Amino acid sequence: LIFTSLGGFFSENSGIVNIGLEGMMTIGAFVGATAGYLTGNPWLGLLCAGIAGGIFALIHGIATISFNADHTISGVAINLLAPGVALFACKILFNGSVTTPTIAMENKIPRPLNGVFESGSILDTIFNTYATTYIALALIVVVWFVLYKTKFGLRVRAVGEHPGAADTLGILAGIGGASMSLAIVSTFRPALISGQGYIALAAVIFGKWRPQWAGAACLLFGFSTGLTVYLGNPSLGMTIN
């Protein structure tokens, strides 16, 4: 959510409305899972996912900036096109299957602090997470600095519509999708991205178009989802009747 909302933050601040985040996350999840499985390198998969998301962002940028297409309609088209392309390509590459093969544990995005804290402890629960989580949190600071402390950021916020910002949107959204398929789930399936792109866009709005508050909104949404899973886990004895 953080990766995608930061991409949306660039887009919205440059005057480009985009509801195509969902589609960009989907194509990123597929390309990331496919590249990660075929190469055995999750970081290469993450890179390929960013490129794939950037390609769809380029389509959106050409439609809205070069041809003055309606931003909302173009975004809807991206949301319809990207899942179709992902499903079609998946069937071609994997003998008619609608899901990619499961990525081996050793080829997933690593957990850099795995084993640092006592297993099962609160610190282990909090900090023993995937590297993409720490990258996303660091990017909140980076994006804030770029947008508010550099000439490029000033130009993005002042120019109204900026093709480069549209490309950045797609790259981060693609990486956000790949974070799902290369770390959390280890495979791509059609229902993997189900509303996360819209939640990321809502986080941008909820965060008042500020990267730090958009990141906080993503953490809030993520916490709410995690709490639902935790409270609904029978093994914890906390199932809600």
Protein backbone atom coordinates (compact mmCIF):
# COMPACT_ATOMS: atom_id res chain seq x y z
CA LEU A 1 0.00 0.00 0.00
CA ILE A 2 2.81 2.42 0.85
CA PHE A 3 4.66 1.88 -2.44
CA THR A 4 1.49 2.43 -4.45
CA SER A 5 0.24 5.40 -2.44
CA LEU A 6 3.62 7.12 -2.85
CA GLY A 7 3.30 6.63 -6.59
CA GLY A 8 -0.20 8.06 -6.41
CA PHE A 9 1.17 10.94 -4.39
CA PHE A 10 3.56 11.89 -7.21
CA SER A 11 0.73 11.64 -9.72
CA GLU A 12 -1.81 13.66 -7.78
CA ASN A 13 0.68 16.41 -6.95
CA SER A 14 1.51 16.80 -10.63
CA GLY A 15 -2.16 17.18 -11.52
CA ILE A 16 -2.76 13.70 -12.94
CA VAL A 17 -5.75 11.92 -11.47
CA ASN A 18 -5.23 8.17 -11.59
CA ILE A 19 -7.51 5.40 -10.49
CA GLY A 20 -5.44 2.93 -12.51
CA LEU A 21 -3.32 2.01 -9.47
CA GLU A 22 -5.18 -1.27 -9.13
CA GLY A 23 -4.26 -2.33 -12.66
CA MET A 24 -0.64 -1.26 -12.26
CA MET A 25 -0.38 -3.24 -9.04
CA THR A 26 -1.86 -6.28 -10.79
CA ILE A 27 0.58 -6.23 -13.70
CA GLY A 28 3.41 -5.61 -11.24
CA ALA A 29 2.35 -8.60 -9.14
CA PHE A 30 2.25 -10.85 -12.20
CA VAL A 31 5.51 -9.71 -13.76
CA GLY A 32 7.27 -9.73 -10.40
CA ALA A 33 6.14 -13.27 -9.59
CA THR A 34 6.99 -14.50 -13.08
CA ALA A 35 10.45 -12.92 -13.19
CA GLY A 36 11.15 -13.98 -9.62
CA TYR A 37 10.21 -17.58 -10.38
CA LEU A 38 12.09 -17.81 -13.69
CA THR A 39 15.29 -16.13 -12.48
CA GLY A 40 15.27 -17.20 -8.84
CA ASN A 41 16.10 -13.60 -7.93
CA PRO A 42 13.35 -11.67 -6.08
CA TRP A 43 15.14 -8.32 -6.52
CA LEU A 44 15.24 -8.77 -10.27
CA GLY A 45 11.55 -9.65 -10.09
CA LEU A 46 10.90 -6.44 -8.17
CA LEU A 47 12.80 -4.45 -10.81
CA CYS A 48 10.85 -6.06 -13.65
CA ALA A 49 7.60 -5.31 -11.83
CA GLY A 50 8.52 -1.65 -11.62
CA ILE A 51 9.27 -1.58 -15.34
CA ALA A 52 5.94 -3.26 -16.12
CA GLY A 53 4.05 -0.77 -13.97
CA GLY A 54 5.97 2.06 -15.65
CA ILE A 55 4.92 0.84 -19.09
CA PHE A 56 1.24 1.00 -18.12
CA ALA A 57 1.84 4.40 -16.54
CA LEU A 58 3.37 5.50 -19.83
CA ILE A 59 0.17 4.43 -21.59
CA HIS A 60 -1.84 6.47 -19.09
CA GLY A 61 0.52 9.44 -19.50
CA ILE A 62 0.28 9.38 -23.30
CA ALA A 63 -3.51 9.15 -23.17
CA THR A 64 -4.02 11.93 -20.63
CA ILE A 65 -1.15 14.31 -21.44
CA SER A 66 -0.50 13.84 -25.15
CA PHE A 67 -4.08 13.18 -26.25
CA ASN A 68 -5.95 15.01 -23.46
CA ALA A 69 -8.04 11.95 -22.61
CA ASP A 70 -10.21 12.01 -19.52
CA HIS A 71 -8.06 10.91 -16.56
CA THR A 72 -10.76 8.80 -14.96
CA ILE A 73 -11.65 6.95 -18.15
CA SER A 74 -7.99 6.25 -18.86
CA GLY A 75 -7.54 4.93 -15.32
CA VAL A 76 -10.53 2.64 -15.68
CA ALA A 77 -9.10 1.36 -18.96
CA ILE A 78 -5.81 0.55 -17.20
CA ASN A 79 -7.71 -1.35 -14.51
CA LEU A 80 -9.46 -3.42 -17.18
CA LEU A 81 -6.46 -3.89 -19.47
CA ALA A 82 -3.75 -4.85 -16.98
CA PRO A 83 -5.52 -7.83 -15.34
CA GLY A 84 -6.48 -9.12 -18.79
CA VAL A 85 -2.90 -8.90 -20.02
CA ALA A 86 -1.64 -10.58 -16.85
CA LEU A 87 -4.12 -13.46 -17.08
CA PHE A 88 -3.52 -13.96 -20.81
CA ALA A 89 0.26 -13.96 -20.40
CA CYS A 90 0.02 -16.29 -17.41
CA LYS A 91 -1.92 -18.87 -19.42
CA ILE A 92 0.59 -18.67 -22.27
CA LEU A 93 3.68 -18.96 -20.07
CA PHE A 94 2.41 -21.61 -17.66
CA ASN A 95 0.45 -24.09 -19.78
CA GLY A 96 -3.00 -22.62 -19.35
CA SER A 97 -2.69 -22.02 -15.61
CA VAL A 98 -4.21 -18.85 -14.18
CA THR A 99 -1.63 -18.76 -11.39
CA THR A 100 2.15 -18.63 -11.49
CA PRO A 101 4.18 -21.43 -9.86
CA THR A 102 4.95 -20.90 -6.19
CA ILE A 103 8.27 -19.21 -5.56
CA ALA A 104 10.63 -21.23 -3.35
CA MET A 105 11.13 -19.88 0.15
CA GLU A 106 14.81 -19.18 -0.46
CA ASN A 107 13.91 -17.11 -3.55
CA LYS A 108 11.39 -14.84 -1.82
CA ILE A 109 12.06 -11.33 -0.63
CA PRO A 110 14.19 -11.91 2.49
CA ARG A 111 13.45 -10.98 6.09
CA PRO A 112 16.61 -9.08 7.10
CA LEU A 113 15.98 -9.33 10.86
CA ASN A 114 14.95 -12.98 10.90
CA GLY A 115 16.54 -14.66 13.92
CA VAL A 116 17.69 -11.40 15.50
CA PHE A 117 14.98 -11.44 18.16
CA GLU A 118 13.63 -14.34 20.18
CA SER A 119 11.09 -16.30 18.15
CA GLY A 120 7.52 -15.47 19.15
CA SER A 121 8.47 -12.35 21.10
CA ILE A 122 6.79 -9.01 20.54
CA LEU A 123 9.92 -7.58 18.92
CA ASP A 124 10.13 -10.59 16.59
CA THR A 125 6.47 -10.15 15.66
CA ILE A 126 6.95 -6.46 14.90
CA PHE A 127 10.35 -6.37 13.19
CA ASN A 128 10.72 -9.81 11.58
CA THR A 129 9.15 -8.72 8.32
CA TYR A 130 10.11 -8.53 4.66
CA ALA A 131 12.78 -6.16 3.37
CA THR A 132 10.20 -4.43 1.17
CA THR A 133 8.52 -3.16 4.33
CA TYR A 134 11.64 -1.31 5.42
CA ILE A 135 12.23 -0.02 1.89
CA ALA A 136 8.68 1.33 1.75
CA LEU A 137 9.06 3.10 5.09
CA ALA A 138 12.37 4.62 3.99
CA LEU A 139 10.76 5.78 0.75
CA ILE A 140 8.29 7.89 2.70
CA VAL A 141 11.22 10.05 3.85
CA VAL A 142 12.84 10.01 0.40
CA VAL A 143 9.66 11.07 -1.38
CA TRP A 144 9.00 13.81 1.16
CA PHE A 145 12.53 15.14 0.64
CA VAL A 146 12.31 14.96 -3.16
CA LEU A 147 8.94 16.69 -3.35
CA TYR A 148 9.58 19.42 -0.79
CA LYS A 149 13.33 19.95 -0.72
CA THR A 150 14.45 19.70 -4.36
CA LYS A 151 13.94 21.71 -7.54
CA PHE A 152 12.43 18.65 -9.23
CA GLY A 153 9.82 18.39 -6.50
CA LEU A 154 8.97 22.07 -6.80
CA ARG A 155 8.53 21.69 -10.55
CA VAL A 156 6.32 18.61 -10.13
CA ARG A 157 4.05 20.46 -7.72
CA ALA A 158 4.01 23.64 -9.80
CA VAL A 159 3.79 22.33 -13.36
CA GLY A 160 0.31 20.81 -13.10
CA GLU A 161 0.89 17.86 -15.41
CA HIS A 162 4.24 16.15 -15.56
CA PRO A 163 4.95 13.03 -17.70
CA GLY A 164 7.89 12.02 -15.50
CA ALA A 165 5.67 11.98 -12.45
CA ALA A 166 3.20 9.74 -14.25
CA ASP A 167 6.00 7.26 -14.97
CA THR A 168 7.07 7.32 -11.31
CA LEU A 169 3.50 6.48 -10.35
CA GLY A 170 3.56 3.29 -12.39
CA ILE A 171 6.99 2.16 -11.22
CA LEU A 172 6.06 2.41 -7.54
CA ALA A 173 2.64 0.87 -8.12
CA GLY A 174 4.24 -2.05 -9.95
CA ILE A 175 6.68 -2.58 -7.10
CA GLY A 176 3.76 -2.44 -4.67
CA GLY A 177 2.05 -5.26 -6.53
CA ALA A 178 5.25 -7.30 -6.67
CA SER A 179 5.65 -6.93 -2.92
CA MET A 180 2.50 -9.00 -2.64
CA SER A 181 3.56 -11.76 -5.04
CA LEU A 182 7.27 -11.92 -4.16
CA ALA A 183 6.98 -11.71 -0.38
CA ILE A 184 3.59 -12.19 1.19
CA VAL A 185 1.96 -14.78 -1.09
CA SER A 186 4.85 -16.16 -3.24
CA THR A 187 2.70 -16.51 -6.36
CA PHE A 188 0.40 -14.56 -8.65
CA ARG A 189 -3.28 -15.32 -8.98
CA PRO A 190 -6.10 -13.22 -10.50
CA ALA A 191 -7.59 -12.26 -7.12
CA LEU A 192 -4.27 -11.33 -5.50
CA ILE A 193 -4.82 -7.61 -6.02
CA SER A 194 -8.40 -7.03 -4.92
CA GLY A 195 -8.95 -3.42 -4.00
CA GLN A 196 -5.47 -2.55 -2.72
CA GLY A 197 -4.95 -0.03 -5.51
CA TYR A 198 -8.12 1.80 -4.55
CA ILE A 199 -7.10 1.69 -0.88
CA ALA A 200 -3.74 3.21 -1.81
CA LEU A 201 -5.52 6.01 -3.68
CA ALA A 202 -7.79 6.53 -0.67
CA ALA A 203 -4.67 6.74 1.52
CA VAL A 204 -3.33 9.55 -0.67
CA ILE A 205 -6.58 11.49 -0.25
CA PHE A 206 -6.91 10.58 3.43
CA GLY A 207 -3.32 11.74 3.95
CA LYS A 208 -4.13 15.12 2.34
CA TRP A 209 -1.58 14.62 -0.44
CA ARG A 210 1.36 14.50 1.98
CA PRO A 211 3.73 11.49 1.80
CA GLN A 212 4.12 11.15 5.57
CA TRP A 213 0.38 11.17 6.18
CA ALA A 214 -0.32 8.92 3.20
CA GLY A 215 2.19 6.46 4.67
CA ALA A 216 0.49 6.72 8.05
CA ALA A 217 -2.88 6.08 6.40
CA CYS A 218 -1.46 2.95 4.73
CA LEU A 219 -0.19 1.72 8.09
CA LEU A 220 -3.65 2.34 9.56
CA PHE A 221 -5.36 0.40 6.77
CA GLY A 222 -2.76 -2.36 7.06
CA PHE A 223 -3.20 -2.53 10.82
CA SER A 224 -6.97 -2.81 10.42
CA THR A 225 -6.55 -5.69 7.96
CA GLY A 226 -4.02 -7.42 10.20
CA LEU A 227 -6.26 -6.99 13.24
CA THR A 228 -9.14 -8.63 11.37
CA VAL A 229 -6.95 -11.61 10.53
CA TYR A 230 -5.62 -11.82 14.09
CA LEU A 231 -9.02 -11.66 15.76
CA GLY A 232 -10.46 -14.17 13.31
CA ASN A 233 -7.71 -16.76 13.85
CA PRO A 234 -9.18 -19.77 15.74
CA SER A 235 -5.72 -20.89 16.85
CA LEU A 236 -5.48 -17.75 18.95
CA GLY A 237 -8.74 -18.46 20.66
CA MET A 238 -10.11 -15.07 19.69
CA THR A 239 -12.66 -15.95 17.03
CA ILE A 240 -15.57 -13.52 17.01
CA ASN A 241 -18.92 -15.29 17.04
